Structure formats: C-alpha cells, structure tokens
Amino acid sequence: MKTRDTSGTIEVDGETYQWDLRRQPRPISGGRWEGVAITLRHVDFKREAIVQFPPPVRPNGRPDVERQLVNLDHVRNAVSAAIEAGWDPASRGKAVVFDVDAEGR
C-alpha cells in the first residue's frame, strides 16, 4: 500500500513504530543520486534508525526525479531488516543508518 503521507505509524510483529519521510530522491556529486530515506523509531523509545532506499530508476535507466510515494509494505520490511541487522530500538545512542534494497530488505 502506497501513501502520500510523510509520516505515520505501522505495526510489525505486534510492536508499533513511527516512521517519518526524511528525504526524497536527490542528486549528489558526480551525477549520482540518493534515494528515499525514512526515519524509524519504536513509539515507546527514542533510538532511531534511518533506512536509505536506492534511487528509483525509470524504465529507460534514468533516475526518477519525481516525488515518490511511501510504500508501507516496504517500510515494514525495512523495520524487520534493521532489527535483523542489529538495531535495538530500546537502546540509547545516535541514530543508526541502514541501506536497504528497493523492497526494504
């Protein structure tokens, strides 16, 4: 399910997580692009995870520069992937950054 919202909550394994759209796709040096980035945190804790998706590509191989909708299923996958990669939402410290694939895995 895709949404135009820039924030919301999702449930993963019976736990509720807050998500916020941190960045839309944007160009970086060298003609490269960064993809969408989403900030995640458990509603009861403050430790954040930032998940970075690859830049979307059009069928012709060029970067899709249009504003992207957030796919909530991919955000759920990203929460699970971040936890599997070692993110502990109940711990303290700086936000942890994870790169995921286009489906949030």
N, C-alpha and C. Protein backbone atom coordinates (compact mmCIF):
# COMPACT_ATOMS: atom_id res chain seq x y z
N MET A 1 0.84 -1.18 0.00
CA MET A 1 0.00 0.00 0.00
C MET A 1 0.88 1.25 0.00
N LYS A 2 0.63 2.16 -0.92
CA LYS A 2 1.41 3.39 -1.00
C LYS A 2 0.61 4.55 -0.43
N THR A 3 1.33 5.53 0.12
CA THR A 3 0.68 6.69 0.71
C THR A 3 1.44 7.96 0.35
N ARG A 4 0.71 9.07 0.31
CA ARG A 4 1.32 10.38 0.10
C ARG A 4 1.77 10.99 1.42
N ASP A 5 1.37 10.37 2.53
CA ASP A 5 1.73 10.90 3.85
C ASP A 5 3.24 10.95 4.01
N THR A 6 3.72 11.88 4.85
CA THR A 6 5.14 11.99 5.11
C THR A 6 5.50 11.43 6.48
N SER A 7 4.50 10.93 7.20
CA SER A 7 4.76 10.28 8.49
C SER A 7 3.56 9.42 8.84
N GLY A 8 3.76 8.53 9.81
CA GLY A 8 2.68 7.67 10.25
C GLY A 8 3.19 6.60 11.17
N THR A 9 2.33 5.63 11.47
CA THR A 9 2.73 4.50 12.29
C THR A 9 2.42 3.21 11.55
N ILE A 10 3.21 2.20 11.83
CA ILE A 10 2.98 0.87 11.28
C ILE A 10 3.19 -0.14 12.39
N GLU A 11 2.62 -1.31 12.20
CA GLU A 11 2.78 -2.37 13.19
C GLU A 11 3.60 -3.50 12.57
N VAL A 12 4.63 -3.94 13.32
CA VAL A 12 5.49 -5.04 12.89
C VAL A 12 5.64 -5.98 14.07
N ASP A 13 5.24 -7.23 13.90
CA ASP A 13 5.33 -8.24 14.96
C ASP A 13 4.70 -7.77 16.27
N GLY A 14 3.55 -7.11 16.19
CA GLY A 14 2.83 -6.68 17.37
C GLY A 14 3.37 -5.42 18.03
N GLU A 15 4.43 -4.83 17.48
CA GLU A 15 5.02 -3.59 18.01
C GLU A 15 4.69 -2.44 17.06
N THR A 16 4.50 -1.24 17.62
CA THR A 16 4.17 -0.08 16.81
C THR A 16 5.40 0.80 16.62
N TYR A 17 5.63 1.20 15.38
CA TYR A 17 6.77 2.03 15.03
C TYR A 17 6.29 3.30 14.33
N GLN A 18 6.95 4.40 14.65
CA GLN A 18 6.69 5.68 13.99
C GLN A 18 7.65 5.79 12.82
N TRP A 19 7.17 6.23 11.67
CA TRP A 19 8.05 6.47 10.52
C TRP A 19 7.85 7.90 10.04
N ASP A 20 8.93 8.50 9.56
CA ASP A 20 8.89 9.85 9.01
C ASP A 20 9.73 9.88 7.75
N LEU A 21 9.20 10.49 6.71
CA LEU A 21 9.97 10.66 5.48
C LEU A 21 11.05 11.70 5.74
N ARG A 22 12.29 11.31 5.60
CA ARG A 22 13.43 12.18 5.89
C ARG A 22 13.94 12.87 4.63
N ARG A 23 13.88 12.17 3.49
CA ARG A 23 14.45 12.73 2.26
C ARG A 23 13.80 12.09 1.04
N GLN A 24 13.50 12.91 0.05
CA GLN A 24 13.07 12.44 -1.26
C GLN A 24 14.34 12.22 -2.10
N PRO A 25 14.25 11.52 -3.24
CA PRO A 25 15.44 11.34 -4.08
C PRO A 25 16.05 12.69 -4.43
N ARG A 26 17.41 12.73 -4.44
CA ARG A 26 18.09 13.98 -4.77
C ARG A 26 19.45 13.66 -5.42
N PRO A 27 19.92 14.61 -6.25
CA PRO A 27 21.22 14.41 -6.90
C PRO A 27 22.35 14.67 -5.90
N ILE A 28 23.44 13.94 -6.08
CA ILE A 28 24.66 14.18 -5.31
C ILE A 28 25.79 14.34 -6.31
N SER A 29 26.97 14.57 -5.86
CA SER A 29 28.09 14.84 -6.76
C SER A 29 28.35 13.69 -7.73
N GLY A 30 28.93 14.04 -8.85
CA GLY A 30 29.32 13.02 -9.82
C GLY A 30 28.17 12.47 -10.65
N GLY A 31 27.05 13.19 -10.70
CA GLY A 31 25.91 12.72 -11.49
C GLY A 31 25.18 11.54 -10.88
N ARG A 32 25.44 11.26 -9.61
CA ARG A 32 24.76 10.15 -8.93
C ARG A 32 23.55 10.67 -8.17
N TRP A 33 22.73 9.75 -7.70
CA TRP A 33 21.51 10.10 -6.97
C TRP A 33 21.43 9.33 -5.67
N GLU A 34 20.81 9.96 -4.67
CA GLU A 34 20.44 9.28 -3.42
C GLU A 34 18.95 9.00 -3.49
N GLY A 35 18.54 7.91 -2.87
CA GLY A 35 17.13 7.56 -2.88
C GLY A 35 16.39 8.10 -1.66
N VAL A 36 15.20 7.60 -1.47
CA VAL A 36 14.35 7.99 -0.33
C VAL A 36 15.00 7.50 0.97
N ALA A 37 14.89 8.33 2.01
CA ALA A 37 15.35 7.93 3.34
C ALA A 37 14.19 8.11 4.31
N ILE A 38 14.03 7.13 5.19
CA ILE A 38 12.94 7.15 6.17
C ILE A 38 13.53 6.94 7.56
N THR A 39 13.05 7.73 8.52
CA THR A 39 13.46 7.58 9.91
C THR A 39 12.43 6.71 10.62
N LEU A 40 12.92 5.72 11.38
CA LEU A 40 12.05 4.81 12.12
C LEU A 40 12.38 4.90 13.61
N ARG A 41 11.35 4.75 14.44
CA ARG A 41 11.58 4.58 15.88
C ARG A 41 10.38 3.89 16.48
N HIS A 42 10.65 3.12 17.53
CA HIS A 42 9.58 2.46 18.28
C HIS A 42 8.84 3.55 19.04
N VAL A 43 7.52 3.46 19.13
CA VAL A 43 6.75 4.54 19.76
C VAL A 43 7.09 4.74 21.24
N ASP A 44 7.62 3.71 21.91
CA ASP A 44 7.94 3.81 23.33
C ASP A 44 9.40 4.19 23.60
N PHE A 45 10.23 4.29 22.57
CA PHE A 45 11.65 4.55 22.76
C PHE A 45 12.13 5.65 21.83
N LYS A 46 13.33 6.17 22.07
CA LYS A 46 13.84 7.30 21.28
C LYS A 46 14.89 6.93 20.24
N ARG A 47 15.50 5.76 20.33
CA ARG A 47 16.58 5.39 19.40
C ARG A 47 16.02 5.25 17.99
N GLU A 48 16.62 5.97 17.06
CA GLU A 48 16.13 5.97 15.69
C GLU A 48 17.01 5.13 14.77
N ALA A 49 16.38 4.67 13.71
CA ALA A 49 17.10 4.03 12.60
C ALA A 49 16.73 4.81 11.35
N ILE A 50 17.72 5.06 10.52
CA ILE A 50 17.47 5.72 9.25
C ILE A 50 17.70 4.67 8.16
N VAL A 51 16.67 4.40 7.38
CA VAL A 51 16.81 3.43 6.29
C VAL A 51 16.83 4.19 4.98
N GLN A 52 17.83 3.86 4.16
CA GLN A 52 18.01 4.51 2.87
C GLN A 52 17.71 3.52 1.75
N PHE A 53 16.75 3.88 0.93
CA PHE A 53 16.37 3.06 -0.22
C PHE A 53 17.20 3.52 -1.42
N PRO A 54 17.44 2.63 -2.39
CA PRO A 54 18.17 3.05 -3.59
C PRO A 54 17.34 4.04 -4.39
N PRO A 55 17.98 4.88 -5.22
CA PRO A 55 17.22 5.84 -6.02
C PRO A 55 16.33 5.10 -7.02
N PRO A 56 15.10 5.57 -7.20
CA PRO A 56 14.21 4.92 -8.17
C PRO A 56 14.69 5.20 -9.60
N VAL A 57 14.54 4.21 -10.46
CA VAL A 57 15.01 4.32 -11.83
C VAL A 57 13.83 4.09 -12.77
N ARG A 58 13.74 4.93 -13.78
CA ARG A 58 12.69 4.77 -14.80
C ARG A 58 13.05 3.62 -15.74
N PRO A 59 12.09 3.12 -16.50
CA PRO A 59 12.39 2.01 -17.42
C PRO A 59 13.52 2.30 -18.42
N ASN A 60 13.75 3.57 -18.74
CA ASN A 60 14.83 3.91 -19.68
C ASN A 60 16.19 3.98 -19.00
N GLY A 61 16.24 3.71 -17.69
CA GLY A 61 17.51 3.68 -16.97
C GLY A 61 17.89 5.00 -16.32
N ARG A 62 17.12 6.04 -16.54
CA ARG A 62 17.42 7.34 -15.94
C ARG A 62 16.77 7.44 -14.56
N PRO A 63 17.33 8.26 -13.66
CA PRO A 63 16.75 8.39 -12.33
C PRO A 63 15.35 9.01 -12.39
N ASP A 64 14.47 8.52 -11.55
CA ASP A 64 13.12 9.08 -11.44
C ASP A 64 13.19 10.22 -10.44
N VAL A 65 13.08 11.45 -10.92
CA VAL A 65 13.27 12.63 -10.07
C VAL A 65 11.97 13.13 -9.46
N GLU A 66 10.87 12.48 -9.79
CA GLU A 66 9.58 12.92 -9.24
C GLU A 66 9.44 12.52 -7.78
N ARG A 67 8.59 13.24 -7.09
CA ARG A 67 8.30 12.95 -5.69
C ARG A 67 7.75 11.52 -5.59
N GLN A 68 8.31 10.76 -4.65
CA GLN A 68 7.94 9.35 -4.51
C GLN A 68 6.90 9.14 -3.42
N LEU A 69 6.00 8.20 -3.63
CA LEU A 69 5.06 7.79 -2.60
C LEU A 69 5.76 6.79 -1.69
N VAL A 70 5.33 6.73 -0.44
CA VAL A 70 5.92 5.79 0.52
C VAL A 70 5.12 4.49 0.48
N ASN A 71 5.81 3.39 0.23
CA ASN A 71 5.18 2.08 0.22
C ASN A 71 5.27 1.50 1.63
N LEU A 72 4.14 1.38 2.31
CA LEU A 72 4.13 0.95 3.71
C LEU A 72 4.60 -0.49 3.88
N ASP A 73 4.38 -1.34 2.89
CA ASP A 73 4.88 -2.72 2.97
C ASP A 73 6.41 -2.72 2.97
N HIS A 74 7.02 -1.84 2.18
CA HIS A 74 8.48 -1.74 2.15
C HIS A 74 9.02 -1.16 3.45
N VAL A 75 8.26 -0.26 4.07
CA VAL A 75 8.68 0.28 5.37
C VAL A 75 8.64 -0.82 6.43
N ARG A 76 7.61 -1.67 6.40
CA ARG A 76 7.55 -2.81 7.33
C ARG A 76 8.75 -3.73 7.14
N ASN A 77 9.08 -4.02 5.87
CA ASN A 77 10.26 -4.84 5.58
C ASN A 77 11.52 -4.20 6.13
N ALA A 78 11.61 -2.87 6.01
CA ALA A 78 12.80 -2.14 6.47
C ALA A 78 12.94 -2.21 7.98
N VAL A 79 11.83 -2.17 8.72
CA VAL A 79 11.89 -2.30 10.18
C VAL A 79 12.47 -3.66 10.54
N SER A 80 11.95 -4.71 9.93
CA SER A 80 12.45 -6.06 10.20
C SER A 80 13.92 -6.19 9.82
N ALA A 81 14.31 -5.63 8.66
CA ALA A 81 15.69 -5.72 8.20
C ALA A 81 16.63 -4.97 9.15
N ALA A 82 16.22 -3.82 9.65
CA ALA A 82 17.06 -3.03 10.57
C ALA A 82 17.25 -3.78 11.88
N ILE A 83 16.19 -4.40 12.38
CA ILE A 83 16.30 -5.17 13.63
C ILE A 83 17.22 -6.37 13.42
N GLU A 84 17.07 -7.06 12.29
CA GLU A 84 17.94 -8.20 11.99
C GLU A 84 19.40 -7.77 11.86
N ALA A 85 19.62 -6.54 11.40
CA ALA A 85 20.99 -6.04 11.21
C ALA A 85 21.59 -5.47 12.49
N GLY A 86 20.82 -5.50 13.59
CA GLY A 86 21.38 -5.09 14.87
C GLY A 86 20.79 -3.86 15.51
N TRP A 87 19.78 -3.23 14.91
CA TRP A 87 19.16 -2.06 15.52
C TRP A 87 18.34 -2.51 16.72
N ASP A 88 18.60 -1.91 17.87
CA ASP A 88 17.83 -2.17 19.09
C ASP A 88 17.10 -0.89 19.45
N PRO A 89 15.80 -0.79 19.15
CA PRO A 89 15.07 0.46 19.39
C PRO A 89 15.04 0.87 20.86
N ALA A 90 15.25 -0.09 21.78
CA ALA A 90 15.20 0.22 23.20
C ALA A 90 16.54 0.71 23.74
N SER A 91 17.60 0.64 22.93
CA SER A 91 18.91 1.07 23.41
C SER A 91 19.03 2.59 23.29
N ARG A 92 20.15 3.11 23.79
CA ARG A 92 20.40 4.54 23.73
C ARG A 92 21.50 4.81 22.72
N GLY A 93 21.55 6.03 22.22
CA GLY A 93 22.62 6.40 21.32
C GLY A 93 22.14 7.11 20.08
N LYS A 94 23.08 7.38 19.19
CA LYS A 94 22.77 8.06 17.94
C LYS A 94 21.92 7.19 17.02
N ALA A 95 21.32 7.84 16.05
CA ALA A 95 20.56 7.11 15.04
C ALA A 95 21.52 6.21 14.26
N VAL A 96 21.03 5.05 13.86
CA VAL A 96 21.81 4.08 13.10
C VAL A 96 21.31 4.11 11.66
N VAL A 97 22.23 4.10 10.71
CA VAL A 97 21.86 4.19 9.30
C VAL A 97 22.00 2.82 8.63
N PHE A 98 20.97 2.43 7.89
CA PHE A 98 20.97 1.16 7.16
C PHE A 98 20.61 1.41 5.70
N ASP A 99 21.31 0.74 4.80
CA ASP A 99 20.94 0.76 3.39
C ASP A 99 20.14 -0.50 3.11
N VAL A 100 18.99 -0.32 2.45
CA VAL A 100 18.14 -1.47 2.12
C VAL A 100 17.91 -1.48 0.62
N ASP A 101 17.34 -2.58 0.12
CA ASP A 101 17.04 -2.63 -1.30
C ASP A 101 15.69 -1.94 -1.57
N ALA A 102 15.24 -1.96 -2.79
CA ALA A 102 14.03 -1.25 -3.18
C ALA A 102 12.79 -1.74 -2.42
N GLU A 103 12.84 -2.99 -1.92
CA GLU A 103 11.69 -3.53 -1.18
C GLU A 103 11.89 -3.45 0.33
N GLY A 104 12.95 -2.80 0.78
CA GLY A 104 13.18 -2.63 2.21
C GLY A 104 13.86 -3.80 2.88
N ARG A 105 14.48 -4.68 2.13
CA ARG A 105 15.13 -5.84 2.72
C ARG A 105 16.62 -5.65 2.82
